Amino acid sequence: MIYCVEDDDDIRELVLYTLRIAGFEVQGFSSSKPFWEMLSEAPLPELILLDIMLPEEDGLSILKRLRSFSAMKEIPVIMTTAKGTEFDKVNGLDLGADDYLVKPFGMMEMISRIKAVLRRTQASQSQEVALRLGQLTLNSRNHIVTVEGQRIDLTRKEFDLLFLLMRNPSRVFTRQELLDMVWGDDVLLETRTVDVHIGTLRTKLGTCGSYIQTVRGVGYRMEEAYDQKNL
């Protein structure tokens, strides 16, 4: 089941019609109220298409609430918007959106992105990876990260960034590689985005933040041993 939250009746009906033709079960909502009511009464959807510009409660607020509930935080969400600004993209992706569609988008592109997101999320949900580096641990199934036994809270992108670095210890990633692998090559962001997230991640990791090493002129790598001169 795919939920589509879109206040434009014409767009919503076209999306629902196309998805039904493609073999998906779908349900449409024009605002947040019936959407939340359905979530509380019916089985959770496999994916949500969520417009940013909505009456009553906007899409970013809905996404933030979704990611705050343990039962709903893993539902893949594709944001849709007519604005297409970098600010909206960064906000949506940092709050845990899995992909982005900028209106007007083609129906074939929409189906392709939905299938790609479903493949990624279903594959990740079927595998559990537990990683440990010094006093830092990460569990991919329940998205729990601990430092010296204390749990810390990370955004979706911070978690994905840490997971990639911990799964490839000592490997040097360029900023562009991290941007492509964590944010996706369809997202037009500057490599400065990586630096900002690395800085925030180091702060949240506390004593283990020094595991993330800066390789001057190249990018970043993760190792337990750390040389302060690399800062």
Protein backbone atom coordinates (compact mmCIF):
# COMPACT_ATOMS: atom_id res chain seq x y z
CA MET A 1 0.00 0.00 0.00
CA ILE A 2 1.24 3.47 -0.96
CA TYR A 3 -0.16 6.63 0.60
CA CYS A 4 -0.21 9.87 -1.39
CA VAL A 5 -0.68 13.09 0.58
CA GLU A 6 -1.38 15.84 -1.97
CA ASP A 7 -3.85 18.73 -1.75
CA ASP A 8 -4.09 19.34 -5.52
CA ASP A 9 -6.98 17.10 -6.58
CA ASP A 10 -5.86 16.77 -10.21
CA ILE A 11 -2.30 15.80 -9.31
CA ARG A 12 -3.43 13.39 -6.59
CA GLU A 13 -5.91 11.60 -8.85
CA LEU A 14 -3.34 11.30 -11.65
CA VAL A 15 -0.77 9.84 -9.23
CA LEU A 16 -3.29 7.37 -7.78
CA TYR A 17 -4.48 6.31 -11.24
CA THR A 18 -0.91 5.78 -12.49
CA LEU A 19 0.10 3.76 -9.44
CA ARG A 20 -2.98 1.55 -9.69
CA ILE A 21 -2.20 0.86 -13.36
CA ALA A 22 1.36 -0.04 -12.26
CA GLY A 23 -0.02 -2.64 -9.85
CA PHE A 24 0.20 -0.78 -6.53
CA GLU A 25 -2.50 -0.48 -3.91
CA VAL A 26 -2.95 3.21 -3.13
CA GLN A 27 -4.79 5.61 -0.87
CA GLY A 28 -4.94 9.38 -1.33
CA PHE A 29 -5.30 12.20 1.20
CA SER A 30 -5.81 15.93 0.65
CA SER A 31 -4.55 16.99 4.09
CA SER A 32 -2.86 15.68 7.22
CA LYS A 33 -5.96 14.96 9.33
CA PRO A 34 -7.39 12.00 7.33
CA PHE A 35 -3.82 10.80 6.77
CA TRP A 36 -3.09 10.53 10.51
CA GLU A 37 -6.49 8.95 11.11
CA MET A 38 -5.77 6.23 8.56
CA LEU A 39 -2.32 5.59 10.02
CA SER A 40 -3.87 4.98 13.43
CA GLU A 41 -6.51 2.58 12.11
CA ALA A 42 -5.00 0.64 9.20
CA PRO A 43 -1.80 -1.38 8.61
CA LEU A 44 1.18 0.86 7.88
CA PRO A 45 1.89 1.66 4.21
CA GLU A 46 4.98 0.46 2.34
CA LEU A 47 5.77 4.00 1.17
CA ILE A 48 4.43 7.56 1.46
CA LEU A 49 4.41 10.22 -1.27
CA LEU A 50 4.30 13.45 0.73
CA ASP A 51 3.79 16.96 -0.64
CA ILE A 52 5.55 19.77 1.25
CA MET A 53 2.99 22.54 0.65
CA LEU A 54 -0.15 21.29 2.41
CA PRO A 55 -2.99 23.03 4.28
CA GLU A 56 -3.15 22.78 8.08
CA GLU A 57 0.12 20.84 8.55
CA ASP A 58 2.94 21.03 6.00
CA GLY A 59 4.83 18.03 4.70
CA LEU A 60 8.03 18.71 6.64
CA SER A 61 6.09 18.79 9.91
CA ILE A 62 4.37 15.52 9.00
CA LEU A 63 7.73 13.93 8.16
CA LYS A 64 9.22 15.07 11.45
CA ARG A 65 6.32 13.53 13.36
CA LEU A 66 6.59 10.28 11.39
CA ARG A 67 10.27 9.93 12.25
CA SER A 68 9.53 10.54 15.95
CA PHE A 69 7.39 7.39 16.22
CA SER A 70 9.36 4.15 16.47
CA ALA A 71 6.68 2.20 14.59
CA MET A 72 6.68 4.65 11.68
CA LYS A 73 10.25 5.94 11.43
CA GLU A 74 11.27 3.24 8.92
CA ILE A 75 8.43 3.91 6.44
CA PRO A 76 10.12 5.22 3.27
CA VAL A 77 9.00 8.73 2.30
CA ILE A 78 9.39 10.50 -1.04
CA MET A 79 8.84 14.25 -0.77
CA THR A 80 7.14 16.16 -3.60
CA THR A 81 7.18 19.92 -4.05
CA ALA A 82 6.83 22.62 -6.66
CA LYS A 83 9.49 24.74 -5.00
CA GLY A 84 12.55 22.59 -5.60
CA THR A 85 14.87 24.79 -3.56
CA GLU A 86 18.03 23.47 -1.95
CA PHE A 87 16.71 24.62 1.45
CA ASP A 88 13.65 22.38 1.16
CA LYS A 89 15.73 19.47 -0.07
CA VAL A 90 18.22 19.72 2.78
CA ASN A 91 15.43 20.05 5.37
CA GLY A 92 13.49 17.11 3.99
CA LEU A 93 16.50 14.84 3.62
CA ASP A 94 17.85 15.70 7.06
CA LEU A 95 14.48 14.90 8.59
CA GLY A 96 14.64 11.46 7.04
CA ALA A 97 13.12 11.68 3.55
CA ASP A 98 14.33 8.88 1.27
CA ASP A 99 14.03 10.74 -2.03
CA TYR A 100 12.71 13.88 -3.69
CA LEU A 101 10.46 14.67 -6.65
CA VAL A 102 10.17 18.23 -7.97
CA LYS A 103 6.92 19.17 -9.72
CA PRO A 104 6.10 18.86 -12.49
CA PHE A 105 7.47 15.31 -12.55
CA GLY A 106 6.75 12.57 -15.06
CA MET A 107 4.71 9.55 -14.03
CA MET A 108 7.37 7.14 -15.30
CA GLU A 109 10.01 8.92 -13.25
CA MET A 110 7.77 8.70 -10.19
CA ILE A 111 7.26 4.94 -10.60
CA SER A 112 10.97 4.41 -11.18
CA ARG A 113 11.89 6.30 -8.01
CA ILE A 114 9.25 4.50 -5.95
CA LYS A 115 10.55 1.11 -7.08
CA ALA A 116 14.15 2.14 -6.38
CA VAL A 117 13.32 3.34 -2.86
CA LEU A 118 11.32 0.19 -2.12
CA ARG A 119 14.23 -1.99 -3.30
CA ARG A 120 16.70 -0.10 -1.08
CA THR A 121 14.54 -0.11 2.03
CA GLN A 122 13.41 -3.71 1.70
CA ALA A 123 17.00 -4.85 1.25
CA SER A 124 18.23 -2.87 4.24
CA GLN A 125 15.38 -4.06 6.45
CA SER A 126 16.19 -7.70 5.66
CA GLN A 127 19.73 -7.37 6.96
CA GLU A 128 20.97 -6.46 10.41
CA VAL A 129 24.52 -5.20 10.77
CA ALA A 130 26.13 -4.60 14.16
CA LEU A 131 29.33 -2.54 14.04
CA ARG A 132 31.81 -1.65 16.77
CA LEU A 133 34.82 0.64 16.77
CA GLY A 134 36.46 1.28 20.11
CA GLN A 135 33.76 2.69 22.41
CA LEU A 136 31.37 3.31 19.52
CA THR A 137 28.65 0.83 18.48
CA LEU A 138 26.01 0.94 15.74
CA ASN A 139 23.09 -1.39 15.03
CA SER A 140 21.53 -1.01 11.59
CA ARG A 141 18.25 -2.80 12.32
CA ASN A 142 17.03 -0.55 15.10
CA HIS A 143 19.18 2.50 14.27
CA ILE A 144 20.78 2.59 17.71
CA VAL A 145 24.18 4.23 18.20
CA THR A 146 25.97 4.22 21.55
CA VAL A 147 29.11 5.94 22.82
CA GLU A 148 30.65 4.32 25.90
CA GLY A 149 27.33 2.54 26.46
CA GLN A 150 25.24 5.71 26.25
CA ARG A 151 22.72 5.99 23.44
CA ILE A 152 22.91 9.10 21.24
CA ASP A 153 20.33 10.54 18.86
CA LEU A 154 21.25 11.08 15.21
CA THR A 155 19.30 12.33 12.22
CA ARG A 156 18.73 9.89 9.37
CA LYS A 157 21.57 11.35 7.28
CA GLU A 158 23.96 11.48 10.24
CA PHE A 159 23.23 7.80 10.89
CA ASP A 160 23.71 6.86 7.22
CA LEU A 161 26.98 8.79 7.11
CA LEU A 162 28.29 7.12 10.26
CA PHE A 163 27.17 3.68 9.03
CA LEU A 164 29.08 4.12 5.77
CA LEU A 165 32.27 5.25 7.53
CA MET A 166 32.13 2.53 10.21
CA ARG A 167 31.47 -0.19 7.65
CA ASN A 168 34.59 0.84 5.75
CA PRO A 169 37.23 1.54 8.44
CA SER A 170 40.43 3.20 7.21
CA ARG A 171 38.98 3.80 3.74
CA VAL A 172 39.28 7.40 2.60
CA PHE A 173 36.10 8.83 1.06
CA THR A 174 36.09 12.04 -0.94
CA ARG A 175 33.41 14.56 -0.09
CA GLN A 176 31.73 13.91 -3.43
CA GLU A 177 31.68 10.16 -2.79
CA LEU A 178 30.03 10.70 0.59
CA LEU A 179 27.53 13.09 -0.96
CA ASP A 180 26.64 10.60 -3.71
CA MET A 181 26.47 7.54 -1.43
CA VAL A 182 24.58 9.09 1.49
CA TRP A 183 22.42 11.75 -0.15
CA GLY A 184 22.12 10.15 -3.59
CA ASP A 185 23.44 11.26 -6.94
CA ASP A 186 20.07 12.75 -7.91
CA VAL A 187 20.28 15.33 -5.13
CA LEU A 188 21.94 18.61 -6.13
CA LEU A 189 23.80 19.72 -3.01
CA GLU A 190 27.22 21.23 -2.44
CA THR A 191 30.05 19.18 -0.88
CA ARG A 192 29.98 21.69 1.98
CA THR A 193 26.90 19.77 3.15
CA VAL A 194 29.20 16.85 4.00
CA ASP A 195 31.54 19.05 6.07
CA VAL A 196 28.61 20.45 8.07
CA HIS A 197 27.25 16.98 8.83
CA ILE A 198 30.70 15.64 9.75
CA GLY A 199 31.10 18.52 12.21
CA THR A 200 27.72 17.89 13.80
CA LEU A 201 28.37 14.13 13.90
CA ARG A 202 31.73 14.61 15.63
CA THR A 203 30.08 16.78 18.27
CA LYS A 204 27.32 14.25 18.95
CA LEU A 205 29.82 11.36 19.17
CA GLY A 206 31.69 13.15 21.95
CA THR A 207 34.81 11.22 22.92
CA CYS A 208 34.43 9.06 19.81
CA GLY A 209 34.15 12.04 17.47
CA SER A 210 37.91 11.93 16.99
CA TYR A 211 37.52 8.57 15.19
CA ILE A 212 36.41 10.55 12.12
CA GLN A 213 39.64 11.79 10.61
CA THR A 214 40.08 14.56 8.08
CA VAL A 215 42.38 13.68 5.19
CA ARG A 216 43.51 17.06 3.95
CA GLY A 217 42.68 17.81 0.35
CA VAL A 218 40.76 14.54 -0.03
CA GLY A 219 37.95 13.85 2.44
CA TYR A 220 37.36 11.68 5.49
CA ARG A 221 38.09 8.26 6.94
CA MET A 222 37.26 6.50 10.20
CA GLU A 223 39.78 4.88 12.51
CA GLU A 224 39.97 4.37 16.27
CA ALA A 225 43.55 5.69 16.46
CA TYR A 226 43.64 9.42 15.83
CA ASP A 227 46.33 12.04 15.25
CA GLN A 228 45.24 15.52 16.37
CA LYS A 229 47.35 17.06 13.55
CA ASN A 230 44.74 15.82 11.07
CA LEU A 231 42.20 18.38 12.25
